[in-house]
Amino acid sequence: MNILKIFSLLVVLVLGLSCKNAESNSSNQGSPATNTQNANPAPNIQVPENFTPTTAPPQPTDPPQNAKGVWHFICAKGCEGGAGSAVPCPKCGTQLVHNQAYHQQ
């Protein structure tokens, strides 16, 4: 019976000490939500007052007609004329289609 009392006392003592250490460790470590220090702060970037952002120059577009006078896009119904992109035909309103002959110079 004496050994059982000593064993119980040791178990209570070990549990008490382990809980005490866990409590002190948790109080020393702040949770990420409450930690105000940032491990990697953002760099302080100074933009000059006279800085003007620029945009890329527009890409050159193909001319509506090649050197032979062939239109890049033509009307599928055969209307006269054409355009440089697939837009509605100015005469009948049908969408212009790509003219492969434009690329054969």
PDB file of N, CA and C in Angstrom:
ATOM      1  N   MET A   1       0.817  -1.180   0.000  1.00  0.00           N
ATOM      2  CA  MET A   1       0.000   0.000   0.000  1.00  0.00           C
ATOM      3  C   MET A   1       0.867   1.253   0.000  1.00  0.00           C
ATOM      4  N   ASN A   2       1.981   1.197   0.643  1.00  0.00           N
ATOM      5  CA  ASN A   2       2.900   2.311   0.732  1.00  0.00           C
ATOM      6  C   ASN A   2       3.475   2.634  -0.649  1.00  0.00           C
ATOM      7  N   ILE A   3       3.758   1.635  -1.451  1.00  0.00           N
ATOM      8  CA  ILE A   3       4.314   1.826  -2.793  1.00  0.00           C
ATOM      9  C   ILE A   3       3.275   2.495  -3.693  1.00  0.00           C
ATOM     10  N   LEU A   4       2.015   2.139  -3.521  1.00  0.00           N
ATOM     11  CA  LEU A   4       0.938   2.728  -4.309  1.00  0.00           C
ATOM     12  C   LEU A   4       0.807   4.229  -4.028  1.00  0.00           C
ATOM     13  N   LYS A   5       0.967   4.646  -2.778  1.00  0.00           N
ATOM     14  CA  LYS A   5       0.900   6.065  -2.418  1.00  0.00           C
ATOM     15  C   LYS A   5       2.067   6.827  -3.045  1.00  0.00           C
ATOM     16  N   ILE A   6       3.257   6.249  -2.985  1.00  0.00           N
ATOM     17  CA  ILE A   6       4.449   6.908  -3.550  1.00  0.00           C
ATOM     18  C   ILE A   6       4.309   7.029  -5.073  1.00  0.00           C
ATOM     19  N   PHE A   7       3.820   5.971  -5.706  1.00  0.00           N
ATOM     20  CA  PHE A   7       3.630   5.989  -7.158  1.00  0.00           C
ATOM     21  C   PHE A   7       2.598   7.048  -7.557  1.00  0.00           C
ATOM     22  N   SER A   8       1.500   7.134  -6.815  1.00  0.00           N
ATOM     23  CA  SER A   8       0.461   8.130  -7.091  1.00  0.00           C
ATOM     24  C   SER A   8       1.013   9.538  -6.923  1.00  0.00           C
ATOM     25  N   LEU A   9       1.809   9.747  -5.900  1.00  0.00           N
ATOM     26  CA  LEU A   9       2.418  11.049  -5.654  1.00  0.00           C
ATOM     27  C   LEU A   9       3.356  11.431  -6.795  1.00  0.00           C
ATOM     28  N   LEU A  10       4.137  10.476  -7.285  1.00  0.00           N
ATOM     29  CA  LEU A  10       5.046  10.747  -8.399  1.00  0.00           C
ATOM     30  C   LEU A  10       4.278  11.097  -9.682  1.00  0.00           C
ATOM     31  N   VAL A  11       3.184  10.387  -9.926  1.00  0.00           N
ATOM     32  CA  VAL A  11       2.376  10.664 -11.112  1.00  0.00           C
ATOM     33  C   VAL A  11       1.798  12.075 -11.038  1.00  0.00           C
ATOM     34  N   VAL A  12       1.269  12.459  -9.885  1.00  0.00           N
ATOM     35  CA  VAL A  12       0.703  13.796  -9.708  1.00  0.00           C
ATOM     36  C   VAL A  12       1.797  14.845  -9.859  1.00  0.00           C
ATOM     37  N   LEU A  13       2.961  14.600  -9.321  1.00  0.00           N
ATOM     38  CA  LEU A  13       4.081  15.533  -9.400  1.00  0.00           C
ATOM     39  C   LEU A  13       4.534  15.714 -10.855  1.00  0.00           C
ATOM     40  N   VAL A  14       4.666  14.630 -11.587  1.00  0.00           N
ATOM     41  CA  VAL A  14       5.089  14.696 -12.990  1.00  0.00           C
ATOM     42  C   VAL A  14       4.046  15.439 -13.824  1.00  0.00           C
ATOM     43  N   LEU A  15       2.784  15.131 -13.619  1.00  0.00           N
ATOM     44  CA  LEU A  15       1.727  15.821 -14.359  1.00  0.00           C
ATOM     45  C   LEU A  15       1.693  17.310 -14.025  1.00  0.00           C
ATOM     46  N   GLY A  16       1.875  17.641 -12.774  1.00  0.00           N
ATOM     47  CA  GLY A  16       1.868  19.044 -12.358  1.00  0.00           C
ATOM     48  C   GLY A  16       3.011  19.819 -12.986  1.00  0.00           C
ATOM     49  N   LEU A  17       4.195  19.218 -13.018  1.00  0.00           N
ATOM     50  CA  LEU A  17       5.342  19.902 -13.613  1.00  0.00           C
ATOM     51  C   LEU A  17       5.201  20.024 -15.129  1.00  0.00           C
ATOM     52  N   SER A  18       4.675  19.009 -15.761  1.00  0.00           N
ATOM     53  CA  SER A  18       4.530  19.076 -17.221  1.00  0.00           C
ATOM     54  C   SER A  18       3.488  20.120 -17.614  1.00  0.00           C
ATOM     55  N   CYS A  19       2.430  20.259 -16.857  1.00  0.00           N
ATOM     56  CA  CYS A  19       1.421  21.278 -17.151  1.00  0.00           C
ATOM     57  C   CYS A  19       1.976  22.670 -16.915  1.00  0.00           C
ATOM     58  N   LYS A  20       2.802  22.831 -15.906  1.00  0.00           N
ATOM     59  CA  LYS A  20       3.395  24.128 -15.604  1.00  0.00           C
ATOM     60  C   LYS A  20       4.306  24.563 -16.749  1.00  0.00           C
ATOM     61  N   ASN A  21       5.107  23.653 -17.296  1.00  0.00           N
ATOM     62  CA  ASN A  21       5.997  23.992 -18.408  1.00  0.00           C
ATOM     63  C   ASN A  21       5.211  24.319 -19.672  1.00  0.00           C
ATOM     64  N   ALA A  22       4.151  23.597 -19.924  1.00  0.00           N
ATOM     65  CA  ALA A  22       3.349  23.857 -21.115  1.00  0.00           C
ATOM     66  C   ALA A  22       2.701  25.232 -21.032  1.00  0.00           C
ATOM     67  N   GLU A  23       2.277  25.629 -19.839  1.00  0.00           N
ATOM     68  CA  GLU A  23       1.641  26.927 -19.658  1.00  0.00           C
ATOM     69  C   GLU A  23       2.640  28.052 -19.876  1.00  0.00           C
ATOM     70  N   SER A  24       3.867  27.917 -19.373  1.00  0.00           N
ATOM     71  CA  SER A  24       4.860  28.971 -19.533  1.00  0.00           C
ATOM     72  C   SER A  24       5.349  29.040 -20.975  1.00  0.00           C
ATOM     73  N   ASN A  25       5.421  27.910 -21.669  1.00  0.00           N
ATOM     74  CA  ASN A  25       5.831  27.934 -23.070  1.00  0.00           C
ATOM     75  C   ASN A  25       4.798  28.634 -23.932  1.00  0.00           C
ATOM     76  N   SER A  26       3.526  28.389 -23.655  1.00  0.00           N
ATOM     77  CA  SER A  26       2.490  29.011 -24.475  1.00  0.00           C
ATOM     78  C   SER A  26       2.408  30.507 -24.220  1.00  0.00           C
ATOM     79  N   SER A  27       2.741  30.976 -23.034  1.00  0.00           N
ATOM     80  CA  SER A  27       2.675  32.405 -22.768  1.00  0.00           C
ATOM     81  C   SER A  27       3.861  33.132 -23.388  1.00  0.00           C
ATOM     82  N   ASN A  28       4.985  32.446 -23.585  1.00  0.00           N
ATOM     83  CA  ASN A  28       6.152  33.077 -24.196  1.00  0.00           C
ATOM     84  C   ASN A  28       6.026  33.153 -25.710  1.00  0.00           C
ATOM     85  N   GLN A  29       5.270  32.254 -26.291  1.00  0.00           N
ATOM     86  CA  GLN A  29       5.125  32.234 -27.743  1.00  0.00           C
ATOM     87  C   GLN A  29       3.804  32.884 -28.112  1.00  0.00           C
ATOM     88  N   GLY A  30       3.869  34.010 -28.805  1.00  0.00           N
ATOM     89  CA  GLY A  30       2.647  34.666 -29.253  1.00  0.00           C
ATOM     90  C   GLY A  30       2.060  33.921 -30.434  1.00  0.00           C
ATOM     91  N   SER A  31       0.761  33.920 -30.511  1.00  0.00           N
ATOM     92  CA  SER A  31       0.127  33.286 -31.659  1.00  0.00           C
ATOM     93  C   SER A  31       0.384  34.152 -32.885  1.00  0.00           C
ATOM     94  N   PRO A  32       0.373  33.575 -34.089  1.00  0.00           N
ATOM     95  CA  PRO A  32       0.649  34.361 -35.291  1.00  0.00           C
ATOM     96  C   PRO A  32      -0.318  35.521 -35.477  1.00  0.00           C
ATOM     97  N   ALA A  33      -1.546  35.391 -35.002  1.00  0.00           N
ATOM     98  CA  ALA A  33      -2.521  36.463 -35.184  1.00  0.00           C
ATOM     99  C   ALA A  33      -2.206  37.662 -34.299  1.00  0.00           C
ATOM    100  N   THR A  34      -1.572  37.438 -33.138  1.00  0.00           N
ATOM    101  CA  THR A  34      -1.298  38.541 -32.227  1.00  0.00           C
ATOM    102  C   THR A  34       0.140  39.020 -32.315  1.00  0.00           C
ATOM    103  N   ASN A  35       0.976  38.339 -33.082  1.00  0.00           N
ATOM    104  CA  ASN A  35       2.367  38.736 -33.211  1.00  0.00           C
ATOM    105  C   ASN A  35       2.442  39.948 -34.134  1.00  0.00           C
ATOM    106  N   THR A  36       2.970  41.079 -33.619  1.00  0.00           N
ATOM    107  CA  THR A  36       2.986  42.307 -34.403  1.00  0.00           C
ATOM    108  C   THR A  36       4.259  42.466 -35.214  1.00  0.00           C
ATOM    109  N   GLN A  37       5.277  41.664 -34.968  1.00  0.00           N
ATOM    110  CA  GLN A  37       6.514  41.774 -35.717  1.00  0.00           C
ATOM    111  C   GLN A  37       6.436  40.915 -36.964  1.00  0.00           C
ATOM    112  N   ASN A  38       6.865  41.469 -38.098  1.00  0.00           N
ATOM    113  CA  ASN A  38       6.876  40.746 -39.361  1.00  0.00           C
ATOM    114  C   ASN A  38       8.294  40.258 -39.607  1.00  0.00           C
ATOM    115  N   ALA A  39       8.444  38.976 -39.886  1.00  0.00           N
ATOM    116  CA  ALA A  39       9.768  38.406 -40.105  1.00  0.00           C
ATOM    117  C   ALA A  39      10.413  38.977 -41.362  1.00  0.00           C
ATOM    118  N   ASN A  40       9.649  39.218 -42.418  1.00  0.00           N
ATOM    119  CA  ASN A  40      10.169  39.760 -43.670  1.00  0.00           C
ATOM    120  C   ASN A  40       9.391  41.018 -44.042  1.00  0.00           C
ATOM    121  N   PRO A  41       9.782  42.172 -43.495  1.00  0.00           N
ATOM    122  CA  PRO A  41       9.033  43.385 -43.814  1.00  0.00           C
ATOM    123  C   PRO A  41       9.220  43.761 -45.284  1.00  0.00           C
ATOM    124  N   ALA A  42       8.219  44.401 -45.853  1.00  0.00           N
ATOM    125  CA  ALA A  42       8.285  44.832 -47.246  1.00  0.00           C
ATOM    126  C   ALA A  42       9.313  45.948 -47.376  1.00  0.00           C
ATOM    127  N   PRO A  43      10.061  45.962 -48.478  1.00  0.00           N
ATOM    128  CA  PRO A  43      11.057  47.027 -48.654  1.00  0.00           C
ATOM    129  C   PRO A  43      10.369  48.373 -48.857  1.00  0.00           C
ATOM    130  N   ASN A  44      11.032  49.412 -48.410  1.00  0.00           N
ATOM    131  CA  ASN A  44      10.508  50.764 -48.560  1.00  0.00           C
ATOM    132  C   ASN A  44      10.956  51.289 -49.920  1.00  0.00           C
ATOM    133  N   ILE A  45      10.030  51.374 -50.868  1.00  0.00           N
ATOM    134  CA  ILE A  45      10.367  51.786 -52.225  1.00  0.00           C
ATOM    135  C   ILE A  45       9.962  53.240 -52.410  1.00  0.00           C
ATOM    136  N   GLN A  46      10.910  54.043 -52.823  1.00  0.00           N
ATOM    137  CA  GLN A  46      10.663  55.461 -53.070  1.00  0.00           C
ATOM    138  C   GLN A  46      10.512  55.677 -54.575  1.00  0.00           C
ATOM    139  N   VAL A  47       9.369  56.205 -55.000  1.00  0.00           N
ATOM    140  CA  VAL A  47       9.131  56.505 -56.410  1.00  0.00           C
ATOM    141  C   VAL A  47       9.363  57.994 -56.612  1.00  0.00           C
ATOM    142  N   PRO A  48      10.217  58.359 -57.568  1.00  0.00           N
ATOM    143  CA  PRO A  48      10.469  59.784 -57.793  1.00  0.00           C
ATOM    144  C   PRO A  48       9.193  60.517 -58.200  1.00  0.00           C
ATOM    145  N   GLU A  49       9.107  61.785 -57.819  1.00  0.00           N
ATOM    146  CA  GLU A  49       7.921  62.574 -58.131  1.00  0.00           C
ATOM    147  C   GLU A  49       7.751  62.780 -59.632  1.00  0.00           C
ATOM    148  N   ASN A  50       8.858  62.818 -60.370  1.00  0.00           N
ATOM    149  CA  ASN A  50       8.780  63.062 -61.810  1.00  0.00           C
ATOM    150  C   ASN A  50       8.648  61.766 -62.611  1.00  0.00           C
ATOM    151  N   PHE A  51       8.313  60.657 -61.957  1.00  0.00           N
ATOM    152  CA  PHE A  51       8.177  59.363 -62.636  1.00  0.00           C
ATOM    153  C   PHE A  51       6.907  59.343 -63.473  1.00  0.00           C
ATOM    154  N   THR A  52       7.048  58.987 -64.737  1.00  0.00           N
ATOM    155  CA  THR A  52       5.902  58.864 -65.635  1.00  0.00           C
ATOM    156  C   THR A  52       5.878  57.441 -66.176  1.00  0.00           C
ATOM    157  N   PRO A  53       4.842  56.666 -65.847  1.00  0.00           N
ATOM    158  CA  PRO A  53       4.782  55.302 -66.375  1.00  0.00           C
ATOM    159  C   PRO A  53       4.594  55.327 -67.890  1.00  0.00           C
ATOM    160  N   THR A  54       5.200  54.362 -68.545  1.00  0.00           N
ATOM    161  CA  THR A  54       5.085  54.289 -69.996  1.00  0.00           C
ATOM    162  C   THR A  54       4.368  53.012 -70.394  1.00  0.00           C
ATOM    163  N   THR A  55       3.782  53.041 -71.546  1.00  0.00           N
ATOM    164  CA  THR A  55       3.135  51.851 -72.084  1.00  0.00           C
ATOM    165  C   THR A  55       3.917  51.393 -73.303  1.00  0.00           C
ATOM    166  N   ALA A  56       3.771  50.129 -73.634  1.00  0.00           N
ATOM    167  CA  ALA A  56       4.460  49.588 -74.798  1.00  0.00           C
ATOM    168  C   ALA A  56       3.881  50.214 -76.063  1.00  0.00           C
ATOM    169  N   PRO A  57       4.726  50.429 -77.055  1.00  0.00           N
ATOM    170  CA  PRO A  57       4.192  50.991 -78.299  1.00  0.00           C
ATOM    171  C   PRO A  57       3.239  50.003 -78.956  1.00  0.00           C
ATOM    172  N   PRO A  58       2.261  50.499 -79.679  1.00  0.00           N
ATOM    173  CA  PRO A  58       1.309  49.582 -80.318  1.00  0.00           C
ATOM    174  C   PRO A  58       2.009  48.710 -81.353  1.00  0.00           C
ATOM    175  N   GLN A  59       1.536  47.480 -81.449  1.00  0.00           N
ATOM    176  CA  GLN A  59       2.103  46.552 -82.421  1.00  0.00           C
ATOM    177  C   GLN A  59       1.712  47.004 -83.829  1.00  0.00           C
ATOM    178  N   PRO A  60       2.659  46.921 -84.751  1.00  0.00           N
ATOM    179  CA  PRO A  60       2.306  47.313 -86.114  1.00  0.00           C
ATOM    180  C   PRO A  60       1.262  46.358 -86.692  1.00  0.00           C
ATOM    181  N   THR A  61       0.319  46.909 -87.403  1.00  0.00           N
ATOM    182  CA  THR A  61      -0.728  46.088 -88.007  1.00  0.00           C
ATOM    183  C   THR A  61      -0.465  45.964 -89.499  1.00  0.00           C
ATOM    184  N   ASP A  62      -0.967  44.889 -90.054  1.00  0.00           N
ATOM    185  CA  ASP A  62      -0.845  44.719 -91.502  1.00  0.00           C
ATOM    186  C   ASP A  62      -1.718  45.763 -92.187  1.00  0.00           C
ATOM    187  N   PRO A  63      -1.265  46.292 -93.314  1.00  0.00           N
ATOM    188  CA  PRO A  63      -2.120  47.235 -94.040  1.00  0.00           C
ATOM    189  C   PRO A  63      -3.332  46.503 -94.609  1.00  0.00           C
ATOM    190  N   PRO A  64      -4.448  47.200 -94.813  1.00  0.00           N
ATOM    191  CA  PRO A  64      -5.647  46.539 -95.325  1.00  0.00           C
ATOM    192  C   PRO A  64      -5.437  45.912 -96.706  1.00  0.00           C
ATOM    193  N   GLN A  65      -4.547  46.512 -97.504  1.00  0.00           N
ATOM    194  CA  GLN A  65      -4.251  45.967 -98.826  1.00  0.00           C
ATOM    195  C   GLN A  65      -2.751  45.749 -98.946  1.00  0.00           C
ATOM    196  N   ASN A  66      -2.367  44.678 -99.651  1.00  0.00           N
ATOM    197  CA  ASN A  66      -0.940  44.447 -99.867  1.00  0.00           C
ATOM    198  C   ASN A  66      -0.467  45.278-101.059  1.00  0.00           C
ATOM    199  N   ALA A  67       0.785  45.088-101.470  1.00  0.00           N
ATOM    200  CA  ALA A  67       1.364  45.879-102.562  1.00  0.00           C
ATOM    201  C   ALA A  67       0.631  45.666-103.881  1.00  0.00           C
ATOM    202  N   LYS A  68      -0.012  44.529-104.042  1.00  0.00           N
ATOM    203  CA  LYS A  68      -0.746  44.237-105.281  1.00  0.00           C
ATOM    204  C   LYS A  68      -2.187  44.755-105.233  1.00  0.00           C
ATOM    205  N   GLY A  69      -2.586  45.342-104.110  1.00  0.00           N
ATOM    206  CA  GLY A  69      -3.939  45.868-103.980  1.00  0.00           C
ATOM    207  C   GLY A  69      -4.961  44.836-103.541  1.00  0.00           C
ATOM    208  N   VAL A  70      -4.495  43.684-103.023  1.00  0.00           N
ATOM    209  CA  VAL A  70      -5.398  42.623-102.575  1.00  0.00           C
ATOM    210  C   VAL A  70      -5.783  42.907-101.125  1.00  0.00           C
ATOM    211  N   TRP A  71      -7.086  42.853-100.842  1.00  0.00           N
ATOM    212  CA  TRP A  71      -7.585  43.110 -99.493  1.00  0.00           C
ATOM    213  C   TRP A  71      -7.283  41.931 -98.573  1.00  0.00           C
ATOM    214  N   HIS A  72      -7.007  42.238 -97.290  1.00  0.00           N
ATOM    215  CA  HIS A  72      -6.740  41.197 -96.287  1.00  0.00           C
ATOM    216  C   HIS A  72      -8.022  40.443 -95.938  1.00  0.00           C
ATOM    217  N   PHE A  73      -9.138  41.143 -95.809  1.00  0.00           N
ATOM    218  CA  PHE A  73     -10.438  40.528 -95.525  1.00  0.00           C
ATOM    219  C   PHE A  73     -11.411  40.986 -96.601  1.00  0.00           C
ATOM    220  N   ILE A  74     -12.175  40.040 -97.128  1.00  0.00           N
ATOM    221  CA  ILE A  74     -13.109  40.344 -98.213  1.00  0.00           C
ATOM    222  C   ILE A  74     -14.494  39.805 -97.873  1.00  0.00           C
ATOM    223  N   CYS A  75     -15.488  40.278 -98.608  1.00  0.00           N
ATOM    224  CA  CYS A  75     -16.866  39.834 -98.394  1.00  0.00           C
ATOM    225  C   CYS A  75     -17.064  38.464 -99.042  1.00  0.00           C
ATOM    226  N   ALA A  76     -17.676  37.547 -98.320  1.00  0.00           N
ATOM    227  CA  ALA A  76     -17.937  36.200 -98.837  1.00  0.00           C
ATOM    228  C   ALA A  76     -18.964  36.232 -99.966  1.00  0.00           C
ATOM    229  N   LYS A  77     -19.776  37.270-100.027  1.00  0.00           N
ATOM    230  CA  LYS A  77     -20.796  37.383-101.079  1.00  0.00           C
ATOM    231  C   LYS A  77     -20.244  38.036-102.341  1.00  0.00           C
ATOM    232  N   GLY A  78     -18.979  38.478-102.289  1.00  0.00           N
ATOM    233  CA  GLY A  78     -18.345  39.047-103.481  1.00  0.00           C
ATOM    234  C   GLY A  78     -18.521  40.538-103.642  1.00  0.00           C
ATOM    235  N   CYS A  79     -18.949  41.226-102.596  1.00  0.00           N
ATOM    236  CA  CYS A  79     -19.077  42.685-102.696  1.00  0.00           C
ATOM    237  C   CYS A  79     -17.707  43.301-102.958  1.00  0.00           C
ATOM    238  N   GLU A  80     -17.687  44.435-103.633  1.00  0.00           N
ATOM    239  CA  GLU A  80     -16.443  45.116-103.947  1.00  0.00           C
ATOM    240  C   GLU A  80     -15.831  45.705-102.677  1.00  0.00           C
ATOM    241  N   GLY A  81     -14.497  45.689-102.592  1.00  0.00           N
ATOM    242  CA  GLY A  81     -13.785  46.271-101.467  1.00  0.00           C
ATOM    243  C   GLY A  81     -13.412  45.233-100.435  1.00  0.00           C
ATOM    244  N   GLY A  82     -13.021  45.703 -99.285  1.00  0.00           N
ATOM    245  CA  GLY A  82     -12.588  44.831 -98.204  1.00  0.00           C
ATOM    246  C   GLY A  82     -12.145  45.668 -97.026  1.00  0.00           C
ATOM    247  N   ALA A  83     -11.373  45.040 -96.127  1.00  0.00           N
ATOM    248  CA  ALA A  83     -10.896  45.753 -94.937  1.00  0.00           C
ATOM    249  C   ALA A  83      -9.648  45.066 -94.407  1.00  0.00           C
ATOM    250  N   GLY A  84      -9.068  45.659 -93.374  1.00  0.00           N
ATOM    251  CA  GLY A  84      -7.874  45.104 -92.743  1.00  0.00           C
ATOM    252  C   GLY A  84      -8.186  44.161 -91.604  1.00  0.00           C
ATOM    253  N   SER A  85      -9.465  44.023 -91.237  1.00  0.00           N
ATOM    254  CA  SER A  85      -9.853  43.109 -90.157  1.00  0.00           C
ATOM    255  C   SER A  85     -11.240  42.554 -90.453  1.00  0.00           C
ATOM    256  N   ALA A  86     -11.640  41.562 -89.676  1.00  0.00           N
ATOM    257  CA  ALA A  86     -12.930  40.900 -89.889  1.00  0.00           C
ATOM    258  C   ALA A  86     -14.050  41.745 -89.297  1.00  0.00           C
ATOM    259  N   VAL A  87     -14.505  42.710 -90.072  1.00  0.00           N
ATOM    260  CA  VAL A  87     -15.603  43.596 -89.676  1.00  0.00           C
ATOM    261  C   VAL A  87     -16.779  43.351 -90.619  1.00  0.00           C
ATOM    262  N   PRO A  88     -17.950  43.874 -90.327  1.00  0.00           N
ATOM    263  CA  PRO A  88     -19.070  43.715 -91.263  1.00  0.00           C
ATOM    264  C   PRO A  88     -18.795  44.429 -92.593  1.00  0.00           C
ATOM    265  N   CYS A  89     -19.252  43.822 -93.670  1.00  0.00           N
ATOM    266  CA  CYS A  89     -19.109  44.409 -95.006  1.00  0.00           C
ATOM    267  C   CYS A  89     -19.872  45.735 -95.038  1.00  0.00           C
ATOM    268  N   PRO A  90     -19.240  46.806 -95.526  1.00  0.00           N
ATOM    269  CA  PRO A  90     -19.931  48.092 -95.562  1.00  0.00           C
ATOM    270  C   PRO A  90     -21.110  48.123 -96.538  1.00  0.00           C
ATOM    271  N   LYS A  91     -21.172  47.170 -97.457  1.00  0.00           N
ATOM    272  CA  LYS A  91     -22.254  47.181 -98.460  1.00  0.00           C
ATOM    273  C   LYS A  91     -23.423  46.286 -98.072  1.00  0.00           C
ATOM    274  N   CYS A  92     -23.130  45.036 -97.594  1.00  0.00           N
ATOM    275  CA  CYS A  92     -24.234  44.108 -97.302  1.00  0.00           C
ATOM    276  C   CYS A  92     -24.346  43.734 -95.824  1.00  0.00           C
ATOM    277  N   GLY A  93     -23.334  44.052 -95.016  1.00  0.00           N
ATOM    278  CA  GLY A  93     -23.387  43.769 -93.580  1.00  0.00           C
ATOM    279  C   GLY A  93     -22.892  42.390 -93.178  1.00  0.00           C
ATOM    280  N   THR A  94     -22.546  41.533 -94.142  1.00  0.00           N
ATOM    281  CA  THR A  94     -22.014  40.202 -93.837  1.00  0.00           C
ATOM    282  C   THR A  94     -20.600  40.336 -93.270  1.00  0.00           C
ATOM    283  N   GLN A  95     -20.257  39.480 -92.329  1.00  0.00           N
ATOM    284  CA  GLN A  95     -18.920  39.513 -91.730  1.00  0.00           C
ATOM    285  C   GLN A  95     -17.875  39.191 -92.794  1.00  0.00           C
ATOM    286  N   LEU A  96     -16.831  40.024 -92.893  1.00  0.00           N
ATOM    287  CA  LEU A  96     -15.763  39.772 -93.857  1.00  0.00           C
ATOM    288  C   LEU A  96     -14.972  38.536 -93.443  1.00  0.00           C
ATOM    289  N   VAL A  97     -14.448  37.820 -94.428  1.00  0.00           N
ATOM    290  CA  VAL A  97     -13.674  36.596 -94.182  1.00  0.00           C
ATOM    291  C   VAL A  97     -12.232  36.818 -94.615  1.00  0.00           C
ATOM    292  N   HIS A  98     -11.340  36.016 -94.057  1.00  0.00           N
ATOM    293  CA  HIS A  98      -9.917  36.136 -94.360  1.00  0.00           C
ATOM    294  C   HIS A  98      -9.655  35.757 -95.811  1.00  0.00           C
ATOM    295  N   ASN A  99      -8.810  36.538 -96.465  1.00  0.00           N
ATOM    296  CA  ASN A  99      -8.436  36.302 -97.860  1.00  0.00           C
ATOM    297  C   ASN A  99      -7.006  35.778 -97.885  1.00  0.00           C
ATOM    298  N   GLN A 100      -6.831  34.488 -98.146  1.00  0.00           N
ATOM    299  CA  GLN A 100      -5.504  33.872 -98.153  1.00  0.00           C
ATOM    300  C   GLN A 100      -4.630  34.462 -99.261  1.00  0.00           C
ATOM    301  N   ALA A 101      -5.213  34.939-100.329  1.00  0.00           N
ATOM    302  CA  ALA A 101      -4.445  35.518-101.438  1.00  0.00           C
ATOM    303  C   ALA A 101      -3.675  36.761-100.993  1.00  0.00           C
ATOM    304  N   TYR A 102      -4.100  37.397 -99.919  1.00  0.00           N
ATOM    305  CA  TYR A 102      -3.412  38.580 -99.395  1.00  0.00           C
ATOM    306  C   TYR A 102      -1.958  38.247 -99.055  1.00  0.00           C
ATOM    307  N   HIS A 103      -1.696  37.047 -98.550  1.00  0.00           N
ATOM    308  CA  HIS A 103      -0.356  36.654 -98.101  1.00  0.00           C
ATOM    309  C   HIS A 103       0.505  36.105 -99.239  1.00  0.00           C
ATOM    310  N   GLN A 104      -0.051  35.872-100.385  1.00  0.00           N
ATOM    311  CA  GLN A 104       0.699  35.329-101.523  1.00  0.00           C
ATOM    312  C   GLN A 104       1.128  36.480-102.417  1.00  0.00           C
ATOM    313  N   GLN A 105       2.293  37.014-102.151  1.00  0.00           N
ATOM    314  CA  GLN A 105       2.755  38.180-102.917  1.00  0.00           C
ATOM    315  C   GLN A 105       3.666  37.768-104.035  1.00  0.00           C
TER     316      GLN A 105
END
